[in-house]
PDB file of N, CA and C in Angstrom:
ATOM      1  N   MET A   1     -21.987 -17.329  47.767  1.00  0.00           N
ATOM      2  CA  MET A   1     -22.611 -17.851  46.750  1.00  0.00           C
ATOM      3  C   MET A   1     -22.200 -17.113  45.016  1.00  0.00           C
ATOM      4  N   ALA A   2     -21.280 -18.348  44.216  1.00  0.00           N
ATOM      5  CA  ALA A   2     -20.529 -17.231  43.451  1.00  0.00           C
ATOM      6  C   ALA A   2     -21.955 -16.943  41.905  1.00  0.00           C
ATOM      7  N   VAL A   3     -21.911 -16.223  41.484  1.00  0.00           N
ATOM      8  CA  VAL A   3     -23.102 -15.945  40.655  1.00  0.00           C
ATOM      9  C   VAL A   3     -22.200 -15.564  38.743  1.00  0.00           C
ATOM     10  N   PHE A   4     -22.574 -16.175  38.042  1.00  0.00           N
ATOM     11  CA  PHE A   4     -22.093 -16.158  36.809  1.00  0.00           C
ATOM     12  C   PHE A   4     -23.009 -15.322  35.900  1.00  0.00           C
ATOM     13  N   ASP A   5     -22.999 -14.186  35.602  1.00  0.00           N
ATOM     14  CA  ASP A   5     -23.773 -13.522  34.411  1.00  0.00           C
ATOM     15  C   ASP A   5     -24.025 -13.694  33.049  1.00  0.00           C
ATOM     16  N   THR A   6     -24.748 -14.334  32.489  1.00  0.00           N
ATOM     17  CA  THR A   6     -25.013 -14.603  30.841  1.00  0.00           C
ATOM     18  C   THR A   6     -25.640 -13.967  30.054  1.00  0.00           C
ATOM     19  N   THR A   7     -26.078 -12.672  31.015  1.00  0.00           N
ATOM     20  CA  THR A   7     -27.011 -11.579  29.823  1.00  0.00           C
ATOM     21  C   THR A   7     -25.913 -10.680  29.385  1.00  0.00           C
ATOM     22  N   ARG A   8     -24.925 -10.724  30.158  1.00  0.00           N
ATOM     23  CA  ARG A   8     -23.884  -9.284  29.303  1.00  0.00           C
ATOM     24  C   ARG A   8     -23.029 -10.038  28.568  1.00  0.00           C
ATOM     25  N   THR A   9     -23.220  -9.249  27.171  1.00  0.00           N
ATOM     26  CA  THR A   9     -21.837  -9.799  26.076  1.00  0.00           C
ATOM     27  C   THR A   9     -20.297  -9.654  26.714  1.00  0.00           C
ATOM     28  N   ALA A  10     -19.816 -10.005  26.261  1.00  0.00           N
ATOM     29  CA  ALA A  10     -18.199  -9.660  26.490  1.00  0.00           C
ATOM     30  C   ALA A  10     -17.734  -8.351  26.363  1.00  0.00           C
ATOM     31  N   TYR A  11     -17.135  -8.165  27.257  1.00  0.00           N
ATOM     32  CA  TYR A  11     -16.318  -6.680  26.603  1.00  0.00           C
ATOM     33  C   TYR A  11     -15.589  -6.804  25.238  1.00  0.00           C
ATOM     34  N   GLY A  12     -15.890  -5.605  24.711  1.00  0.00           N
ATOM     35  CA  GLY A  12     -15.259  -5.557  22.993  1.00  0.00           C
ATOM     36  C   GLY A  12     -16.243  -6.475  22.125  1.00  0.00           C
ATOM     37  N   THR A  13     -17.070  -6.780  22.441  1.00  0.00           N
ATOM     38  CA  THR A  13     -17.906  -7.859  21.352  1.00  0.00           C
ATOM     39  C   THR A  13     -19.003  -6.689  21.159  1.00  0.00           C
ATOM     40  N   VAL A  14     -19.645  -6.902  19.858  1.00  0.00           N
ATOM     41  CA  VAL A  14     -20.647  -6.044  19.529  1.00  0.00           C
ATOM     42  C   VAL A  14     -21.949  -7.049  19.381  1.00  0.00           C
ATOM     43  N   GLY A  15     -23.228  -6.594  19.895  1.00  0.00           N
ATOM     44  CA  GLY A  15     -24.255  -7.512  19.873  1.00  0.00           C
ATOM     45  C   GLY A  15     -24.957  -7.276  18.794  1.00  0.00           C
ATOM     46  N   LEU A  16     -26.209  -7.996  18.724  1.00  0.00           N
ATOM     47  CA  LEU A  16     -27.074  -7.506  17.288  1.00  0.00           C
ATOM     48  C   LEU A  16     -27.323  -6.467  16.873  1.00  0.00           C
ATOM     49  N   PHE A  17     -27.213  -5.395  17.799  1.00  0.00           N
ATOM     50  CA  PHE A  17     -28.087  -4.114  17.937  1.00  0.00           C
ATOM     51  C   PHE A  17     -26.835  -3.160  17.173  1.00  0.00           C
ATOM     52  N   GLY A  18     -25.894  -3.694  17.709  1.00  0.00           N
ATOM     53  CA  GLY A  18     -24.542  -3.027  17.460  1.00  0.00           C
ATOM     54  C   GLY A  18     -23.753  -3.542  16.371  1.00  0.00           C
ATOM     55  N   ARG A  19     -24.512  -4.329  15.513  1.00  0.00           N
ATOM     56  CA  ARG A  19     -24.290  -4.517  14.133  1.00  0.00           C
ATOM     57  C   ARG A  19     -25.035  -3.881  12.957  1.00  0.00           C
ATOM     58  N   VAL A  20     -26.124  -4.153  13.593  1.00  0.00           N
ATOM     59  CA  VAL A  20     -27.265  -3.583  12.640  1.00  0.00           C
ATOM     60  C   VAL A  20     -27.159  -2.027  12.706  1.00  0.00           C
ATOM     61  N   SER A  21     -26.667  -1.160  14.205  1.00  0.00           N
ATOM     62  CA  SER A  21     -26.500   0.148  13.615  1.00  0.00           C
ATOM     63  C   SER A  21     -25.060   0.428  12.853  1.00  0.00           C
ATOM     64  N   ALA A  22     -24.255  -0.346  12.967  1.00  0.00           N
ATOM     65  CA  ALA A  22     -23.099  -0.043  12.467  1.00  0.00           C
ATOM     66  C   ALA A  22     -23.168  -0.134  10.726  1.00  0.00           C
ATOM     67  N   ALA A  23     -24.096  -1.636  10.346  1.00  0.00           N
ATOM     68  CA  ALA A  23     -24.628  -1.472   8.808  1.00  0.00           C
ATOM     69  C   ALA A  23     -25.465  -0.138   8.792  1.00  0.00           C
ATOM     70  N   VAL A  24     -26.233   0.446   9.339  1.00  0.00           N
ATOM     71  CA  VAL A  24     -27.247   1.716   8.996  1.00  0.00           C
ATOM     72  C   VAL A  24     -26.075   2.974   8.684  1.00  0.00           C
ATOM     73  N   ASN A  25     -25.028   2.535   9.929  1.00  0.00           N
ATOM     74  CA  ASN A  25     -24.017   3.942   9.407  1.00  0.00           C
ATOM     75  C   ASN A  25     -23.233   3.794   8.467  1.00  0.00           C
ATOM     76  N   SER A  26     -23.044   2.733   7.933  1.00  0.00           N
ATOM     77  CA  SER A  26     -22.118   2.559   6.905  1.00  0.00           C
ATOM     78  C   SER A  26     -22.941   2.828   5.494  1.00  0.00           C
ATOM     79  N   VAL A  27     -23.930   2.591   5.242  1.00  0.00           N
ATOM     80  CA  VAL A  27     -24.948   2.877   4.502  1.00  0.00           C
ATOM     81  C   VAL A  27     -25.531   4.341   4.659  1.00  0.00           C
ATOM     82  N   ILE A  28     -25.464   5.059   5.436  1.00  0.00           N
ATOM     83  CA  ILE A  28     -25.639   6.430   5.558  1.00  0.00           C
ATOM     84  C   ILE A  28     -24.417   7.246   5.101  1.00  0.00           C
ATOM     85  N   GLY A  29     -23.832   6.817   5.512  1.00  0.00           N
ATOM     86  CA  GLY A  29     -22.156   7.054   5.266  1.00  0.00           C
ATOM     87  C   GLY A  29     -21.946   7.122   3.634  1.00  0.00           C
ATOM     88  N   THR A  30     -22.382   5.794   3.245  1.00  0.00           N
ATOM     89  CA  THR A  30     -22.053   5.595   1.452  1.00  0.00           C
ATOM     90  C   THR A  30     -23.061   6.769   0.654  1.00  0.00           C
ATOM     91  N   ILE A  31     -24.471   7.340   1.479  1.00  0.00           N
ATOM     92  CA  ILE A  31     -25.101   7.714   0.576  1.00  0.00           C
ATOM     93  C   ILE A  31     -24.674   9.648   0.553  1.00  0.00           C
ATOM     94  N   ALA A  32     -24.093   9.503   2.354  1.00  0.00           N
ATOM     95  CA  ALA A  32     -23.683  11.128   1.829  1.00  0.00           C
ATOM     96  C   ALA A  32     -22.310  11.593   1.147  1.00  0.00           C
ATOM     97  N   ALA A  33     -21.803  10.508   1.162  1.00  0.00           N
ATOM     98  CA  ALA A  33     -19.803  10.334   0.025  1.00  0.00           C
ATOM     99  C   ALA A  33     -20.652  10.522  -1.463  1.00  0.00           C
ATOM    100  N   TRP A  34     -21.517   9.879  -1.688  1.00  0.00           N
ATOM    101  CA  TRP A  34     -21.962   9.846  -2.799  1.00  0.00           C
ATOM    102  C   TRP A  34     -22.463  11.356  -3.405  1.00  0.00           C
ATOM    103  N   ASN A  35     -23.713  11.727  -2.106  1.00  0.00           N
ATOM    104  CA  ASN A  35     -24.072  13.147  -2.572  1.00  0.00           C
ATOM    105  C   ASN A  35     -23.065  14.676  -2.330  1.00  0.00           C
ATOM    106  N   ASP A  36     -21.952  14.143  -1.365  1.00  0.00           N
ATOM    107  CA  ASP A  36     -20.997  15.185  -1.428  1.00  0.00           C
ATOM    108  C   ASP A  36     -20.195  15.361  -3.097  1.00  0.00           C
ATOM    109  N   ALA A  37     -20.170  13.954  -3.733  1.00  0.00           N
ATOM    110  CA  ALA A  37     -19.346  13.959  -5.064  1.00  0.00           C
ATOM    111  C   ALA A  37     -20.353  14.494  -5.747  1.00  0.00           C
ATOM    112  N   ARG A  38     -21.391  14.355  -5.724  1.00  0.00           N
ATOM    113  CA  ARG A  38     -22.303  14.777  -7.005  1.00  0.00           C
ATOM    114  C   ARG A  38     -22.458  16.260  -6.815  1.00  0.00           C
ATOM    115  N   VAL A  39     -22.635  16.653  -5.631  1.00  0.00           N
ATOM    116  CA  VAL A  39     -22.486  18.150  -5.362  1.00  0.00           C
ATOM    117  C   VAL A  39     -21.389  18.977  -5.919  1.00  0.00           C
ATOM    118  N   THR A  40     -20.150  18.316  -5.720  1.00  0.00           N
ATOM    119  CA  THR A  40     -19.001  18.846  -5.945  1.00  0.00           C
ATOM    120  C   THR A  40     -18.808  18.684  -7.609  1.00  0.00           C
ATOM    121  N   ARG A  41     -19.312  17.817  -8.472  1.00  0.00           N
ATOM    122  CA  ARG A  41     -19.270  17.374  -9.692  1.00  0.00           C
ATOM    123  C   ARG A  41     -19.922  18.429 -10.262  1.00  0.00           C
ATOM    124  N   ASN A  42     -21.168  18.833  -9.872  1.00  0.00           N
ATOM    125  CA  ASN A  42     -22.282  19.328 -10.548  1.00  0.00           C
ATOM    126  C   ASN A  42     -21.464  20.910 -10.319  1.00  0.00           C
ATOM    127  N   ALA A  43     -20.865  21.543  -9.349  1.00  0.00           N
ATOM    128  CA  ALA A  43     -20.659  22.515  -9.202  1.00  0.00           C
ATOM    129  C   ALA A  43     -19.452  22.898 -10.103  1.00  0.00           C
ATOM    130  N   LEU A  44     -18.072  22.069 -10.226  1.00  0.00           N
ATOM    131  CA  LEU A  44     -17.266  22.186 -10.937  1.00  0.00           C
ATOM    132  C   LEU A  44     -17.489  22.254 -12.476  1.00  0.00           C
ATOM    133  N   ALA A  45     -18.417  21.745 -13.064  1.00  0.00           N
ATOM    134  CA  ALA A  45     -19.263  21.116 -14.174  1.00  0.00           C
ATOM    135  C   ALA A  45     -19.715  22.692 -14.787  1.00  0.00           C
ATOM    136  N   LYS A  46     -20.427  23.345 -13.893  1.00  0.00           N
ATOM    137  CA  LYS A  46     -20.800  24.674 -14.246  1.00  0.00           C
ATOM    138  C   LYS A  46     -19.964  25.826 -14.483  1.00  0.00           C
ATOM    139  N   LEU A  47     -18.647  25.633 -13.984  1.00  0.00           N
ATOM    140  CA  LEU A  47     -17.826  26.519 -14.040  1.00  0.00           C
ATOM    141  C   LEU A  47     -17.027  26.638 -15.533  1.00  0.00           C
ATOM    142  N   THR A  48     -16.872  27.803 -15.967  1.00  0.00           N
ATOM    143  CA  THR A  48     -16.181  27.871 -17.532  1.00  0.00           C
ATOM    144  C   THR A  48     -14.601  27.108 -17.347  1.00  0.00           C
ATOM    145  N   ASP A  49     -14.428  26.855 -19.003  1.00  0.00           N
ATOM    146  CA  ASP A  49     -12.980  26.156 -18.946  1.00  0.00           C
ATOM    147  C   ASP A  49     -11.527  27.372 -18.209  1.00  0.00           C
ATOM    148  N   ARG A  50     -12.260  28.574 -18.536  1.00  0.00           N
ATOM    149  CA  ARG A  50     -11.460  29.442 -17.746  1.00  0.00           C
ATOM    150  C   ARG A  50     -11.157  29.534 -16.545  1.00  0.00           C
ATOM    151  N   GLU A  51     -12.113  29.614 -15.286  1.00  0.00           N
ATOM    152  CA  GLU A  51     -12.193  29.404 -14.253  1.00  0.00           C
ATOM    153  C   GLU A  51     -11.589  28.057 -13.624  1.00  0.00           C
ATOM    154  N   LEU A  52     -11.722  26.699 -14.234  1.00  0.00           N
ATOM    155  CA  LEU A  52     -11.444  25.845 -13.708  1.00  0.00           C
ATOM    156  C   LEU A  52      -9.493  25.797 -14.152  1.00  0.00           C
ATOM    157  N   GLU A  53      -8.955  26.300 -15.381  1.00  0.00           N
ATOM    158  CA  GLU A  53      -7.900  26.801 -15.201  1.00  0.00           C
ATOM    159  C   GLU A  53      -7.175  27.735 -14.486  1.00  0.00           C
ATOM    160  N   ASP A  54      -7.905  28.467 -13.623  1.00  0.00           N
ATOM    161  CA  ASP A  54      -7.458  29.591 -12.665  1.00  0.00           C
ATOM    162  C   ASP A  54      -7.433  28.677 -11.418  1.00  0.00           C
ATOM    163  N   ILE A  55      -8.474  27.693 -11.161  1.00  0.00           N
ATOM    164  CA  ILE A  55      -7.985  26.778 -10.184  1.00  0.00           C
ATOM    165  C   ILE A  55      -7.037  25.759 -10.268  1.00  0.00           C
ATOM    166  N   GLY A  56      -6.486  25.290 -11.460  1.00  0.00           N
ATOM    167  CA  GLY A  56      -5.690  24.215 -11.659  1.00  0.00           C
ATOM    168  C   GLY A  56      -6.130  23.271 -12.241  1.00  0.00           C
ATOM    169  N   LEU A  57      -7.378  23.235 -12.609  1.00  0.00           N
ATOM    170  CA  LEU A  57      -8.069  21.973 -13.067  1.00  0.00           C
ATOM    171  C   LEU A  57      -8.514  21.991 -14.846  1.00  0.00           C
ATOM    172  N   VAL A  58      -8.437  20.985 -15.159  1.00  0.00           N
ATOM    173  CA  VAL A  58      -8.976  20.834 -16.625  1.00  0.00           C
ATOM    174  C   VAL A  58     -10.751  19.901 -16.769  1.00  0.00           C
ATOM    175  N   ARG A  59     -11.224  20.096 -17.654  1.00  0.00           N
ATOM    176  CA  ARG A  59     -12.602  19.469 -17.252  1.00  0.00           C
ATOM    177  C   ARG A  59     -12.651  17.731 -17.255  1.00  0.00           C
ATOM    178  N   GLY A  60     -11.555  17.262 -17.397  1.00  0.00           N
ATOM    179  CA  GLY A  60     -11.066  16.160 -17.348  1.00  0.00           C
ATOM    180  C   GLY A  60     -11.133  15.870 -15.717  1.00  0.00           C
ATOM    181  N   ASP A  61     -10.594  16.535 -15.177  1.00  0.00           N
ATOM    182  CA  ASP A  61     -10.009  16.337 -13.659  1.00  0.00           C
ATOM    183  C   ASP A  61     -11.290  16.502 -12.947  1.00  0.00           C
ATOM    184  N   ILE A  62     -12.402  16.695 -13.589  1.00  0.00           N
ATOM    185  CA  ILE A  62     -13.606  17.061 -12.554  1.00  0.00           C
ATOM    186  C   ILE A  62     -14.031  15.613 -11.766  1.00  0.00           C
ATOM    187  N   ASP A  63     -14.674  14.717 -12.341  1.00  0.00           N
ATOM    188  CA  ASP A  63     -14.854  12.912 -11.911  1.00  0.00           C
ATOM    189  C   ASP A  63     -13.833  12.947 -10.481  1.00  0.00           C
ATOM    190  N   ASP A  64     -12.344  13.067 -11.048  1.00  0.00           N
ATOM    191  CA  ASP A  64     -11.529  12.798  -9.744  1.00  0.00           C
ATOM    192  C   ASP A  64     -11.535  13.539  -8.803  1.00  0.00           C
ATOM    193  N   VAL A  65     -11.658  15.036  -8.831  1.00  0.00           N
ATOM    194  CA  VAL A  65     -12.104  15.364  -7.622  1.00  0.00           C
ATOM    195  C   VAL A  65     -13.044  15.446  -7.242  1.00  0.00           C
ATOM    196  N   ALA A  66     -14.171  15.021  -7.694  1.00  0.00           N
ATOM    197  CA  ALA A  66     -15.429  14.901  -6.949  1.00  0.00           C
ATOM    198  C   ALA A  66     -15.370  13.674  -6.253  1.00  0.00           C
ATOM    199  N   GLU A  67     -14.467  12.468  -6.507  1.00  0.00           N
ATOM    200  CA  GLU A  67     -14.492  11.231  -5.970  1.00  0.00           C
ATOM    201  C   GLU A  67     -13.539  11.193  -4.697  1.00  0.00           C
ATOM    202  N   GLY A  68     -12.632  11.866  -4.806  1.00  0.00           N
ATOM    203  CA  GLY A  68     -11.450  12.477  -4.009  1.00  0.00           C
ATOM    204  C   GLY A  68     -10.873  11.584  -4.402  1.00  0.00           C
ATOM    205  N   ARG A  69     -10.019  10.966  -5.841  1.00  0.00           N
ATOM    206  CA  ARG A  69      -9.128  10.330  -6.297  1.00  0.00           C
ATOM    207  C   ARG A  69      -8.050  11.529  -6.411  1.00  0.00           C
ATOM    208  N   ARG A  70      -8.028  12.817  -6.484  1.00  0.00           N
ATOM    209  CA  ARG A  70      -7.270  13.859  -6.386  1.00  0.00           C
ATOM    210  C   ARG A  70      -7.367  14.846  -5.670  1.00  0.00           C
ATOM    211  N   PRO A  71      -5.852  15.100  -4.659  1.00  0.00           N
ATOM    212  CA  PRO A  71      -6.444  16.233  -3.612  1.00  0.00           C
ATOM    213  C   PRO A  71      -6.452  17.304  -4.311  1.00  0.00           C
ATOM    214  N   PHE A  72      -7.599  18.241  -3.696  1.00  0.00           N
ATOM    215  CA  PHE A  72      -7.769  19.821  -4.004  1.00  0.00           C
ATOM    216  C   PHE A  72      -7.488  20.742  -2.951  1.00  0.00           C
TER     217      PHE A  72
END
């Protein structure tokens, strides 16, 4: 007798739990990236102009570095 199992999802598909988990992970990742940028921005802002110059930056570069738009 053949049996067709309808309780399992097909391989490669993601069920409701997988989609919710992915959404939560995305939110957590976004918050972590925001916090990393905030910490970097605050640390660089505390440096003097001379210290920034020593590492090849000017004050206007801080936001770009913090957001990852400029490799550091």
